[in-house]
Amino acid sequence: MTYPNPYEPGDDNPHPSGYGPVFEEPKPRRSRGIDLLLWLVLAACVAVFALSPMGLGILLPAERSIPDVADERVQYDRAIELVQPDGDFKRTAPPPPAGLIEDVDYALYLADDDFIVHWSCADPIAVRIAGSAPTGAREAVLNAIDLVVEASGLPLYLAGSLPQPIDDPEDVPHGEIAISFLLQDDFENAMNGYDDDYSDALGVAGPHYNASSGRIRSAHILMSEHSDPRMRSGQHTVLHELLHAVGIGHADQSAHKEVMRPRLSLHDNTNFGPGDRFALAAVGCY
């Protein structure tokens, strides 16, 4: 996925340099009375901290909240429930509904003899963040998994993190999806191995599959530092790349608002279009 140019100042901008700096409104000067009040409040906070029984940082948030743990457990339990015996080992694409055109509104990766590339439905599929990740990355991945599972029935779930980022597809564990959030220099170095120029990409992803059957063995996702998962554009990009990882290509010329359009619009979100939903059903387990 690549980013558009130019940007409107102040919009959700996936590239940090953007179209130009966006400045904050100047803040009004405070009166001396307000300054005195702020000092009194600060002194009271220090006093409360000093009187706390253990002298610990009572103002620091917990590193990991209980709802986050519950989300992971809920996803894993759901993945187990979605597991089902495989149907046809080789799968052909169903005909699209009226109004959708292949390679325009949706695209599916194809193996030999036009069998579609797809995951097995017989085992849970672990999605792991590989290496360190920026603020908001875990939440963006959790949300993307939820959306894909709801639309496809694929037994995806967020599993424990891997210690190091993975930029070589061969290093991804069998039956898993690894997503690495890379510093920009590392991302660009990883892109040097591709024939096409992905220097302006926000993310790159793809499945690794058996060429005869189309069965996916693993998938990897590389995220650029220019994609901020706290922003709408970054969340959209994580979802877009996850769809690549489950066997879905670009909707190159669709008039619909598809997540799988190859370039990021300033107004993109994480709502699937009709082409996205058809493709997810085609590669899914429902």
Protein backbone atom coordinates (compact mmCIF):
# COMPACT_ATOMS: atom_id res chain seq x y z
CA MET A 1 0.00 0.00 0.00
CA THR A 2 1.28 3.45 -0.87
CA TYR A 3 0.31 6.90 0.31
CA PRO A 4 -1.24 9.70 -1.74
CA ASN A 5 0.34 13.09 -2.33
CA PRO A 6 -0.30 15.89 -1.68
CA TYR A 7 -2.09 15.86 1.68
CA GLU A 8 -4.47 18.35 3.13
CA PRO A 9 -2.85 19.97 6.19
CA GLY A 10 -4.44 18.69 9.37
CA ASP A 11 -5.85 15.52 7.82
CA ASP A 12 -5.02 12.00 8.97
CA ASN A 13 -1.60 11.88 7.34
CA PRO A 14 0.25 8.56 7.04
CA HIS A 15 3.54 10.24 6.17
CA PRO A 16 5.18 12.26 8.97
CA SER A 17 6.52 15.03 6.73
CA GLY A 18 3.19 15.33 4.97
CA TYR A 19 2.22 18.35 2.93
CA GLY A 20 3.61 20.84 5.39
CA PRO A 21 3.73 21.49 9.11
CA VAL A 22 0.49 21.76 11.03
CA PHE A 23 0.80 24.20 13.90
CA GLU A 24 -1.19 24.31 17.08
CA GLU A 25 -3.23 27.35 17.96
CA PRO A 26 -1.22 29.69 20.26
CA LYS A 27 -2.19 29.15 23.87
CA PRO A 28 -3.48 32.17 25.87
CA ARG A 29 -1.30 33.40 28.71
CA ARG A 30 -2.37 32.30 32.19
CA SER A 31 -2.98 34.78 34.98
CA ARG A 32 -0.87 34.73 38.14
CA GLY A 33 -3.87 33.46 40.08
CA ILE A 34 -4.14 30.39 37.88
CA ASP A 35 -0.40 29.79 38.17
CA LEU A 36 -0.70 29.87 41.98
CA LEU A 37 -3.61 27.42 41.86
CA LEU A 38 -1.58 25.02 39.68
CA TRP A 39 1.31 25.14 42.16
CA LEU A 40 -1.06 24.33 45.02
CA VAL A 41 -2.48 21.34 43.12
CA LEU A 42 1.03 20.10 42.35
CA ALA A 43 2.02 20.40 46.00
CA ALA A 44 -1.06 18.42 47.03
CA CYS A 45 -0.17 15.65 44.55
CA VAL A 46 3.37 15.45 45.95
CA ALA A 47 1.97 15.23 49.48
CA VAL A 48 -0.39 12.40 48.51
CA PHE A 49 2.48 10.52 46.85
CA ALA A 50 4.68 10.91 49.95
CA LEU A 51 1.91 9.55 52.18
CA SER A 52 1.18 6.50 50.04
CA PRO A 53 1.92 3.33 52.07
CA MET A 54 4.45 1.83 49.63
CA GLY A 55 5.82 5.01 48.11
CA LEU A 56 5.14 3.65 44.60
CA GLY A 57 4.21 5.58 41.49
CA ILE A 58 0.49 5.91 42.05
CA LEU A 59 0.16 8.09 38.96
CA LEU A 60 1.64 5.49 36.57
CA PRO A 61 -0.77 3.39 34.50
CA ALA A 62 -0.54 -0.39 34.56
CA GLU A 63 1.65 -1.82 31.80
CA ARG A 64 -1.07 -4.26 30.68
CA SER A 65 -4.76 -4.06 31.49
CA ILE A 66 -7.11 -6.97 32.19
CA PRO A 67 -9.33 -6.20 29.16
CA ASP A 68 -6.29 -6.65 26.87
CA VAL A 69 -5.66 -10.14 28.27
CA ALA A 70 -9.33 -10.96 27.88
CA ASP A 71 -9.23 -9.90 24.22
CA GLU A 72 -6.46 -12.39 23.48
CA ARG A 73 -8.23 -15.18 25.33
CA VAL A 74 -11.54 -14.42 23.62
CA GLN A 75 -9.82 -14.51 20.22
CA TYR A 76 -8.14 -17.84 20.95
CA ASP A 77 -11.36 -19.44 22.23
CA ARG A 78 -13.19 -18.18 19.16
CA ALA A 79 -10.48 -19.60 16.86
CA ILE A 80 -10.86 -23.03 18.47
CA GLU A 81 -14.63 -22.89 17.90
CA LEU A 82 -14.16 -21.93 14.24
CA VAL A 83 -11.82 -24.82 13.46
CA GLN A 84 -13.51 -27.38 11.22
CA PRO A 85 -12.48 -30.31 9.02
CA ASP A 86 -11.10 -29.19 5.70
CA GLY A 87 -13.31 -29.47 2.68
CA ASP A 88 -11.66 -29.59 -0.72
CA PHE A 89 -7.89 -29.38 -0.41
CA LYS A 90 -7.93 -27.43 -3.67
CA ARG A 91 -10.46 -24.64 -3.91
CA THR A 92 -11.82 -22.74 -6.90
CA ALA A 93 -13.27 -19.25 -6.72
CA PRO A 94 -17.06 -18.94 -6.62
CA PRO A 95 -18.72 -16.71 -9.23
CA PRO A 96 -18.99 -13.09 -8.03
CA PRO A 97 -22.36 -11.48 -7.40
CA ALA A 98 -23.79 -9.11 -9.97
CA GLY A 99 -22.00 -5.79 -10.06
CA LEU A 100 -18.57 -7.07 -8.98
CA ILE A 101 -15.78 -7.59 -11.51
CA GLU A 102 -12.68 -9.68 -10.88
CA ASP A 103 -9.41 -7.70 -10.87
CA VAL A 104 -11.42 -4.49 -10.64
CA ASP A 105 -13.51 -4.73 -7.46
CA TYR A 106 -11.60 -7.62 -5.92
CA ALA A 107 -8.69 -9.96 -6.62
CA LEU A 108 -7.74 -13.39 -5.31
CA TYR A 109 -4.24 -14.85 -5.43
CA LEU A 110 -4.22 -17.89 -7.71
CA ALA A 111 -2.05 -21.01 -7.67
CA ASP A 112 -1.59 -23.49 -10.51
CA ASP A 113 -4.71 -24.39 -12.50
CA ASP A 114 -6.44 -21.30 -11.05
CA PHE A 115 -6.94 -22.79 -7.60
CA ILE A 116 -7.29 -19.94 -5.12
CA VAL A 117 -4.67 -19.36 -2.45
CA HIS A 118 -6.21 -20.01 0.98
CA TRP A 119 -5.57 -21.11 4.55
CA SER A 120 -6.66 -24.43 5.99
CA CYS A 121 -9.71 -24.22 8.25
CA ALA A 122 -8.57 -27.23 10.30
CA ASP A 123 -6.14 -25.45 12.66
CA PRO A 124 -6.06 -22.12 14.51
CA ILE A 125 -3.89 -19.51 12.75
CA ALA A 126 -1.63 -17.58 15.11
CA VAL A 127 -0.91 -13.94 14.28
CA ARG A 128 2.24 -12.75 16.05
CA ILE A 129 3.85 -9.33 16.34
CA ALA A 130 7.55 -9.90 15.67
CA GLY A 131 9.93 -7.65 17.57
CA SER A 132 9.09 -4.36 19.22
CA ALA A 133 6.05 -2.43 18.08
CA PRO A 134 4.93 1.21 18.34
CA THR A 135 2.15 2.44 20.59
CA GLY A 136 -1.23 1.33 19.29
CA ALA A 137 0.13 -1.54 17.18
CA ARG A 138 -1.28 -4.32 19.32
CA GLU A 139 -4.74 -2.73 19.39
CA ALA A 140 -4.67 -2.22 15.61
CA VAL A 141 -3.74 -5.87 15.04
CA LEU A 142 -6.42 -7.11 17.46
CA ASN A 143 -9.04 -5.02 15.70
CA ALA A 144 -7.93 -6.16 12.24
CA ILE A 145 -8.13 -9.81 13.32
CA ASP A 146 -11.64 -9.29 14.68
CA LEU A 147 -12.83 -7.75 11.41
CA VAL A 148 -11.29 -10.49 9.23
CA VAL A 149 -12.65 -13.31 11.40
CA GLU A 150 -16.14 -11.81 11.43
CA ALA A 151 -16.21 -11.55 7.63
CA SER A 152 -14.43 -14.81 6.76
CA GLY A 153 -14.68 -17.33 9.60
CA LEU A 154 -10.92 -17.88 9.41
CA PRO A 155 -9.65 -19.13 12.81
CA LEU A 156 -7.20 -16.26 13.38
CA TYR A 157 -6.11 -15.13 16.84
CA LEU A 158 -3.42 -12.89 18.32
CA ALA A 159 -0.70 -15.03 19.90
CA GLY A 160 2.40 -14.16 21.91
CA SER A 161 5.01 -11.90 20.37
CA LEU A 162 8.24 -13.06 18.76
CA PRO A 163 11.48 -11.57 20.14
CA GLN A 164 12.85 -10.19 16.85
CA PRO A 165 11.32 -8.70 13.70
CA ILE A 166 11.15 -11.01 10.67
CA ASP A 167 12.00 -9.58 7.26
CA ASP A 168 12.69 -12.93 5.57
CA PRO A 169 9.50 -14.85 4.66
CA GLU A 170 11.33 -18.14 5.15
CA ASP A 171 11.75 -17.39 8.86
CA VAL A 172 8.02 -17.23 9.64
CA PRO A 173 6.90 -20.29 11.65
CA HIS A 174 4.74 -22.77 9.75
CA GLY A 175 1.02 -22.09 10.06
CA GLU A 176 1.47 -18.54 11.39
CA ILE A 177 1.34 -14.91 10.30
CA ALA A 178 4.18 -12.66 11.51
CA ILE A 179 3.81 -8.88 11.46
CA SER A 180 6.92 -6.72 11.94
CA PHE A 181 6.84 -2.97 12.58
CA LEU A 182 10.18 -1.79 11.21
CA LEU A 183 12.18 1.41 11.50
CA GLN A 184 12.23 3.12 8.13
CA ASP A 185 15.85 2.26 7.31
CA ASP A 186 15.18 -1.41 8.09
CA PHE A 187 11.97 -1.34 6.04
CA GLU A 188 13.74 0.15 3.02
CA ASN A 189 16.57 -2.37 3.34
CA ALA A 190 14.01 -5.18 3.36
CA MET A 191 12.41 -3.70 0.22
CA ASN A 192 15.72 -3.98 -1.65
CA GLY A 193 14.99 -7.67 -2.14
CA TYR A 194 11.89 -6.95 -4.25
CA ASP A 195 11.88 -6.40 -8.00
CA ASP A 196 9.38 -3.52 -7.80
CA ASP A 197 10.04 -0.18 -6.13
CA TYR A 198 8.26 -0.17 -2.77
CA SER A 199 10.18 2.80 -1.34
CA ASP A 200 6.96 4.73 -0.74
CA ALA A 201 5.00 1.75 0.62
CA LEU A 202 3.31 1.89 4.00
CA GLY A 203 3.29 -1.89 4.25
CA VAL A 204 4.07 -5.04 2.30
CA ALA A 205 2.58 -8.49 2.88
CA GLY A 206 2.03 -11.81 1.22
CA PRO A 207 1.21 -15.47 1.81
CA HIS A 208 3.63 -18.35 1.19
CA TYR A 209 1.75 -21.26 -0.31
CA ASN A 210 1.93 -24.57 -2.13
CA ALA A 211 1.88 -23.76 -5.85
CA SER A 212 -0.08 -26.90 -6.70
CA SER A 213 -2.88 -26.72 -4.14
CA GLY A 214 -2.86 -23.05 -3.15
CA ARG A 215 -2.70 -24.01 0.53
CA ILE A 216 -1.00 -21.26 2.55
CA ARG A 217 1.87 -22.38 4.78
CA SER A 218 2.61 -19.02 6.42
CA ALA A 219 2.46 -15.29 5.75
CA HIS A 220 4.50 -12.25 6.66
CA ILE A 221 3.68 -8.56 6.98
CA LEU A 222 6.18 -5.70 7.07
CA MET A 223 4.96 -2.31 8.28
CA SER A 224 6.74 0.95 7.51
CA GLU A 225 7.55 3.44 10.26
CA HIS A 226 5.48 5.93 8.25
CA SER A 227 2.33 4.00 9.13
CA ASP A 228 1.20 5.08 12.61
CA PRO A 229 -1.17 2.44 14.10
CA ARG A 230 -2.70 5.06 16.41
CA MET A 231 -4.13 6.86 13.38
CA ARG A 232 -7.00 5.85 11.15
CA SER A 233 -4.64 5.50 8.18
CA GLY A 234 -2.32 3.18 10.11
CA GLN A 235 -5.21 0.98 11.29
CA HIS A 236 -6.47 0.80 7.70
CA THR A 237 -3.00 -0.25 6.51
CA VAL A 238 -2.70 -3.04 9.11
CA LEU A 239 -6.08 -4.39 7.98
CA HIS A 240 -5.15 -4.06 4.29
CA GLU A 241 -1.94 -6.04 4.79
CA LEU A 242 -3.71 -8.73 6.83
CA LEU A 243 -6.06 -9.28 3.88
CA HIS A 244 -3.01 -9.84 1.68
CA ALA A 245 -1.80 -12.39 4.23
CA VAL A 246 -5.01 -14.43 3.86
CA GLY A 247 -4.84 -14.53 0.05
CA ILE A 248 -6.52 -11.35 -1.21
CA GLY A 249 -5.05 -9.02 -3.84
CA HIS A 250 -5.70 -5.42 -4.82
CA ALA A 251 -8.99 -3.95 -6.01
CA ASP A 252 -7.17 -1.81 -8.54
CA GLN A 253 -9.96 0.15 -10.19
CA SER A 254 -13.02 -0.32 -7.99
CA ALA A 255 -15.52 2.50 -7.71
CA HIS A 256 -16.44 1.14 -4.28
CA LYS A 257 -14.65 2.10 -1.08
CA GLU A 258 -12.66 -1.11 -0.76
CA VAL A 259 -10.02 -1.69 1.92
CA MET A 260 -7.98 -3.42 -0.80
CA ARG A 261 -7.49 -0.40 -3.02
CA PRO A 262 -3.71 -0.16 -3.50
CA ARG A 263 -3.33 3.50 -2.53
CA LEU A 264 -4.47 5.06 0.71
CA SER A 265 -7.17 7.70 0.49
CA LEU A 266 -7.28 10.51 3.01
CA HIS A 267 -10.74 9.33 4.00
CA ASP A 268 -10.14 5.56 4.14
CA ASN A 269 -11.35 3.62 7.15
CA THR A 270 -11.69 -0.01 8.16
CA ASN A 271 -15.14 -0.65 6.65
CA PHE A 272 -15.13 -3.45 4.09
CA GLY A 273 -16.56 -2.80 0.66
CA PRO A 274 -18.57 -5.37 -1.34
CA GLY A 275 -15.45 -6.60 -3.15
CA ASP A 276 -13.59 -7.06 0.14
CA ARG A 277 -16.46 -9.06 1.60
CA PHE A 278 -16.79 -11.31 -1.42
CA ALA A 279 -13.04 -12.03 -1.43
CA LEU A 280 -13.03 -12.76 2.32
CA ALA A 281 -15.92 -15.18 1.88
CA ALA A 282 -14.09 -16.89 -0.99
CA VAL A 283 -10.94 -17.55 1.07
CA GLY A 284 -12.79 -18.06 4.35
CA CYS A 285 -14.22 -20.92 6.35
CA TYR A 286 -17.94 -20.16 6.63
